[in-house]
Protein backbone atom coordinates (compact mmCIF):
# COMPACT_ATOMS: atom_id res chain seq x y z
CA MET A 1 -38.91 -114.27 121.91
CA THR A 2 -38.63 -110.84 123.33
CA GLY A 3 -34.94 -111.25 124.05
CA PRO A 4 -33.79 -112.27 120.53
CA LYS A 5 -35.97 -109.57 118.92
CA ALA A 6 -34.55 -106.87 121.16
CA PHE A 7 -31.04 -108.07 120.41
CA ALA A 8 -31.67 -108.00 116.64
CA THR A 9 -33.20 -104.55 116.89
CA ALA A 10 -30.17 -103.25 118.76
CA ILE A 11 -27.83 -104.66 116.10
CA LEU A 12 -29.92 -103.07 113.33
CA LEU A 13 -29.86 -99.67 115.01
CA SER A 14 -26.11 -99.93 115.48
CA LEU A 15 -25.63 -100.69 111.78
CA LEU A 16 -27.86 -97.77 110.77
CA ALA A 17 -25.98 -95.43 113.10
CA ALA A 18 -22.68 -96.55 111.61
CA ALA A 19 -24.02 -95.96 108.09
CA VAL A 20 -24.98 -92.34 108.83
CA PRO A 21 -21.89 -90.10 108.39
CA ALA A 22 -20.86 -88.33 111.52
CA LYS A 23 -21.33 -84.58 111.52
CA ALA A 24 -18.05 -82.93 110.66
CA GLN A 25 -16.61 -80.87 113.44
CA THR A 26 -15.86 -77.25 112.60
CA PRO A 27 -12.10 -76.70 112.89
CA LEU A 28 -11.00 -74.03 115.31
CA VAL A 29 -9.72 -70.86 113.65
CA GLU A 30 -6.43 -69.44 114.89
CA GLY A 31 -6.42 -65.90 116.24
CA ILE A 32 -4.02 -63.45 117.82
CA GLN A 33 -4.21 -60.98 120.70
CA ILE A 34 -1.72 -58.41 121.98
CA GLY A 35 -1.47 -56.39 125.16
CA LEU A 36 0.62 -53.45 126.33
CA SER A 37 2.03 -53.17 129.82
CA THR A 38 1.06 -49.48 129.73
CA ASP A 39 -1.22 -47.44 127.51
CA ASN A 40 0.90 -44.28 127.72
CA VAL A 41 4.59 -43.36 127.66
CA SER A 42 5.95 -40.05 128.97
CA ILE A 43 9.16 -38.63 127.51
CA THR A 44 11.33 -35.70 128.55
CA ALA A 45 13.90 -33.51 126.80
CA GLY A 46 16.62 -36.01 127.70
CA PHE A 47 14.83 -38.93 126.05
CA SER A 48 17.35 -40.86 123.93
CA GLY A 49 15.14 -43.65 122.64
CA ALA A 50 13.88 -46.85 124.21
CA ASP A 51 12.68 -50.37 123.49
CA LEU A 52 8.97 -51.04 123.95
CA THR A 53 7.92 -54.60 124.79
CA ILE A 54 4.58 -55.92 123.55
CA PHE A 55 3.22 -59.28 124.71
CA GLY A 56 0.78 -61.40 122.78
CA SER A 57 -0.78 -64.82 122.45
CA LEU A 58 -2.12 -67.10 119.75
CA GLU A 59 -5.67 -68.39 120.05
CA ASN A 60 -6.37 -72.03 119.15
CA PRO A 61 -2.92 -72.73 117.71
CA ASP A 62 -2.31 -76.07 116.02
CA PRO A 63 0.27 -77.86 118.25
CA LEU A 64 1.90 -79.59 115.25
CA VAL A 65 2.26 -76.34 113.30
CA ALA A 66 3.63 -74.60 116.39
CA ARG A 67 6.21 -77.35 116.98
CA GLN A 68 7.32 -77.13 113.36
CA GLY A 69 7.76 -73.37 113.68
CA ARG A 70 5.32 -72.55 110.88
CA TYR A 71 3.64 -69.70 112.76
CA ASP A 72 5.10 -66.23 112.15
CA VAL A 73 4.17 -62.94 113.79
CA ILE A 74 4.91 -59.40 112.61
CA VAL A 75 4.33 -56.55 115.06
CA VAL A 76 4.16 -52.91 113.95
CA LEU A 77 4.07 -49.74 116.03
CA GLU A 78 2.68 -47.03 113.77
CA GLY A 79 2.89 -43.35 114.70
CA PRO A 80 0.15 -40.73 114.25
CA PRO A 81 -0.58 -39.77 110.62
CA ARG A 82 0.23 -36.23 109.51
CA SER A 83 0.93 -34.22 106.37
CA VAL A 84 4.56 -34.10 105.26
CA VAL A 85 6.24 -31.82 102.73
CA VAL A 86 9.29 -33.19 100.92
CA ARG A 87 11.52 -30.62 99.24
CA ARG A 88 14.31 -31.05 96.74
CA LYS A 89 17.25 -28.68 96.99
CA ASP A 90 19.66 -27.75 94.23
CA ARG A 91 22.52 -25.31 93.82
CA VAL A 92 21.62 -22.15 91.92
CA LEU A 93 24.35 -19.55 91.41
CA GLY A 94 26.31 -21.11 94.26
CA VAL A 95 23.36 -21.04 96.70
CA TRP A 96 21.30 -24.05 97.80
CA VAL A 97 17.59 -23.33 97.24
CA ASN A 98 14.36 -25.35 97.30
CA LEU A 99 13.27 -26.01 93.74
CA ASP A 100 10.52 -28.65 93.84
CA SER A 101 8.34 -30.05 96.60
CA GLU A 102 5.68 -32.69 97.10
CA THR A 103 3.10 -32.88 99.87
CA PHE A 104 1.94 -36.24 101.22
CA GLU A 105 -1.12 -36.72 103.42
CA ASN A 106 -1.71 -39.13 106.32
CA VAL A 107 1.91 -40.24 106.52
CA PRO A 108 2.76 -42.30 109.65
CA MET A 109 5.32 -40.17 111.47
CA SER A 110 7.03 -43.30 112.78
CA TYR A 111 6.91 -46.96 111.81
CA SER A 112 8.73 -49.65 113.81
CA VAL A 113 8.55 -53.30 112.74
CA ALA A 114 9.50 -56.46 114.66
CA THR A 115 9.41 -59.90 113.05
CA THR A 116 10.04 -63.54 113.89
CA ARG A 117 12.18 -63.94 110.73
CA PRO A 118 13.30 -61.81 107.78
CA LEU A 119 10.29 -60.52 105.87
CA GLN A 120 11.24 -62.35 102.68
CA ASP A 121 11.13 -65.67 104.58
CA ILE A 122 7.62 -65.20 105.98
CA THR A 123 5.35 -64.64 102.98
CA GLU A 124 5.22 -63.39 99.40
CA PRO A 125 5.81 -59.70 98.54
CA ASN A 126 2.28 -59.46 97.13
CA SER A 127 0.83 -60.29 100.57
CA TYR A 128 2.74 -57.39 102.13
CA ARG A 129 1.45 -55.03 99.44
CA GLN A 130 -2.14 -56.15 100.03
CA LEU A 131 -1.77 -55.63 103.79
CA SER A 132 0.27 -52.39 103.39
CA LEU A 133 2.71 -54.07 105.75
CA GLY A 134 6.30 -52.84 105.96
CA ALA A 135 7.76 -49.39 105.38
CA SER A 136 8.38 -50.11 101.69
CA ASN A 137 4.70 -51.04 101.21
CA LEU A 138 3.14 -48.05 102.95
CA TYR A 139 1.04 -46.01 100.56
CA MET A 140 2.18 -42.40 100.59
CA GLN A 141 -0.85 -40.42 99.47
CA PRO A 142 0.13 -37.33 97.44
CA ALA A 143 -1.93 -34.22 98.03
CA ASP A 144 -2.05 -33.63 94.27
CA VAL A 145 -2.69 -36.93 92.52
CA GLY A 146 -2.37 -35.17 89.17
CA ASP A 147 1.38 -34.73 89.54
CA ASN A 148 3.80 -36.64 87.35
CA PRO A 149 3.88 -40.29 88.56
CA ALA A 150 7.66 -40.41 88.15
CA THR A 151 8.01 -37.30 90.33
CA ILE A 152 5.69 -38.74 92.98
CA GLU A 153 7.69 -41.98 93.03
CA GLU A 154 10.96 -40.07 93.39
CA PHE A 155 9.70 -38.00 96.32
CA THR A 156 8.10 -41.08 97.92
CA ALA A 157 11.46 -42.87 97.90
CA ALA A 158 13.14 -39.77 99.33
CA LEU A 159 10.56 -39.60 102.12
CA ARG A 160 11.13 -43.23 103.10
CA GLU A 161 14.90 -42.76 103.04
CA ARG A 162 14.70 -39.69 105.25
CA LYS A 163 12.48 -41.46 107.77
CA ALA A 164 14.87 -44.43 107.89
CA ALA A 165 17.90 -42.17 108.26
CA THR A 166 16.39 -40.46 111.31
CA GLY A 167 15.44 -43.78 112.90
CA LEU A 168 11.70 -43.17 112.67
CA TYR A 169 11.25 -46.08 110.25
CA SER A 170 13.03 -49.17 111.57
CA GLU A 171 12.97 -52.96 111.35
CA ASN A 172 13.98 -55.45 114.04
CA VAL A 173 14.41 -58.92 112.55
CA GLY A 174 14.04 -61.50 115.30
CA GLY A 175 12.37 -58.93 117.52
CA VAL A 176 9.39 -61.28 117.98
CA GLN A 177 10.17 -64.36 120.04
CA PHE A 178 7.86 -67.20 121.04
CA LEU A 179 7.97 -67.93 124.76
CA SER A 180 5.79 -71.03 124.35
CA GLN A 181 3.54 -72.53 121.68
CA ASN A 182 1.05 -69.70 122.05
CA LEU A 183 2.81 -66.86 123.91
CA PHE A 184 5.20 -64.40 122.26
CA ARG A 185 7.07 -61.20 123.05
CA ALA A 186 7.83 -58.39 120.59
CA THR A 187 10.37 -55.59 120.97
CA VAL A 188 9.93 -52.43 118.89
CA ARG A 189 12.19 -49.39 118.90
CA LEU A 190 11.14 -45.91 119.97
CA ALA A 191 13.43 -43.39 118.27
CA PRO A 192 14.81 -40.41 120.25
CA ASN A 193 12.66 -38.11 118.11
CA VAL A 194 9.53 -40.26 118.33
CA PRO A 195 6.45 -38.07 117.73
CA VAL A 196 3.93 -37.47 120.46
CA GLY A 197 0.35 -38.56 119.93
CA THR A 198 -1.62 -41.77 119.57
CA HIS A 199 0.37 -44.71 118.22
CA LYS A 200 -1.19 -47.95 117.02
CA ALA A 201 0.33 -51.35 117.73
CA ARG A 202 -0.68 -54.03 115.21
CA ALA A 203 0.14 -57.74 115.19
CA PHE A 204 -0.18 -59.92 112.07
CA LEU A 205 -0.33 -63.72 112.29
CA PHE A 206 0.89 -65.91 109.42
CA LYS A 207 0.59 -69.69 109.13
CA SER A 208 2.91 -71.35 106.62
CA GLY A 209 3.16 -68.06 104.74
CA VAL A 210 -0.61 -67.39 104.69
CA PHE A 211 -2.06 -64.40 106.53
CA ILE A 212 -4.54 -65.50 109.21
CA LYS A 213 -5.58 -62.62 111.44
CA GLU A 214 -4.66 -59.20 112.85
CA SER A 215 -5.00 -57.62 116.29
CA SER A 216 -4.34 -54.05 117.45
CA ALA A 217 -3.97 -51.85 120.52
CA GLN A 218 -3.31 -48.14 121.13
CA LEU A 219 -0.44 -46.39 122.86
CA GLU A 220 -0.27 -42.72 123.84
CA ILE A 221 3.13 -41.02 123.80
CA ARG A 222 3.32 -37.59 125.41
CA LYS A 223 5.84 -35.14 126.77
CA SER A 224 6.17 -34.62 130.50
CA GLY A 225 7.54 -32.00 132.88
CA PHE A 226 8.53 -28.50 131.80
CA GLU A 227 8.72 -29.58 128.14
CA GLN A 228 5.04 -30.58 128.24
CA SER A 229 4.07 -27.14 129.57
CA ILE A 230 5.95 -25.40 126.76
CA PHE A 231 4.45 -27.80 124.21
CA ARG A 232 0.92 -27.12 125.49
CA VAL A 233 1.36 -23.35 125.48
CA ALA A 234 2.89 -23.37 121.99
CA HIS A 235 -0.10 -25.28 120.59
CA ASN A 236 -2.94 -23.72 122.58
CA TYR A 237 -1.66 -20.12 122.62
CA SER A 238 0.48 -19.98 119.49
CA PHE A 239 0.20 -16.19 119.03
CA PHE A 240 1.28 -15.32 122.57
CA TYR A 241 4.00 -17.99 122.42
CA GLY A 242 5.36 -16.42 119.23
CA VAL A 243 5.34 -12.93 120.78
CA PHE A 244 7.11 -14.26 123.88
CA ALA A 245 9.74 -16.09 121.80
CA ILE A 246 10.51 -12.97 119.73
CA SER A 247 10.64 -10.78 122.83
CA LEU A 248 12.96 -13.24 124.59
CA ALA A 249 15.28 -13.31 121.56
CA MET A 250 15.39 -9.51 121.44
CA LEU A 251 16.06 -9.27 125.19
CA THR A 252 18.84 -11.87 124.96
CA GLY A 253 20.47 -9.99 122.09
CA TRP A 254 20.27 -6.67 123.96
CA LEU A 255 21.76 -8.17 127.12
CA GLY A 256 24.58 -9.72 125.13
CA ARG A 257 25.33 -6.36 123.55
CA VAL A 258 25.37 -4.64 126.93
CA ILE A 259 27.58 -7.25 128.59
CA PHE A 260 30.13 -7.64 125.82
CA ARG A 261 30.24 -4.10 124.46
CA LYS A 262 33.59 -2.39 124.31
CA ASP A 263 33.95 1.09 125.80
């Protein structure tokens, strides 16, 4: 009887095992990583701008979502934050003079954006505001928060327009391209007048319009050659640099007078 009992016991255990719900597997969470081919860029006086390539990858992407093209990536290269003074000029008695001004703190000196698609096709405007993503959603912090809100808004718009006009704030739609289901390449623009200092590269991953995750890396932009020496002296020995500049201007003026004087 041992055989039939063992067989019945095995069947009973199988039925009990089938009745117990299987433990749900934790779904893998998508992530994003970026890497720079170099962590520093040297520029000279003849620098006329350049394209910087940033490579990245998705972690644990859903193959179906990837095939349907429902992953979007936005890459931002954000320049060092500094204080900026915006002035408004007006004509007074035939002369242009500065009438009003507004100071903003911690303003990114440059802001280059690359996207897989137009921003309006990726997610809702409220998501960009929450993430402070995009030049139009950057918070420009006024030094005096007690100023008239309408005046602050006017100067904020003027600051963004000036940055865009000089190429420091730019947008490259289609600048992010997927090389495979999980690898992508982003191209951001370095303006000819790109500021030196520590820049921050940030990548934002969206899935079907929903923000998933962010990754970042740092890039150092610095001057090189003779320009770097002048830059270092001007910042480390500002007093002596000022005296030298004034003396050089006076000497140049005196030499010009001597050479071109009429007897």
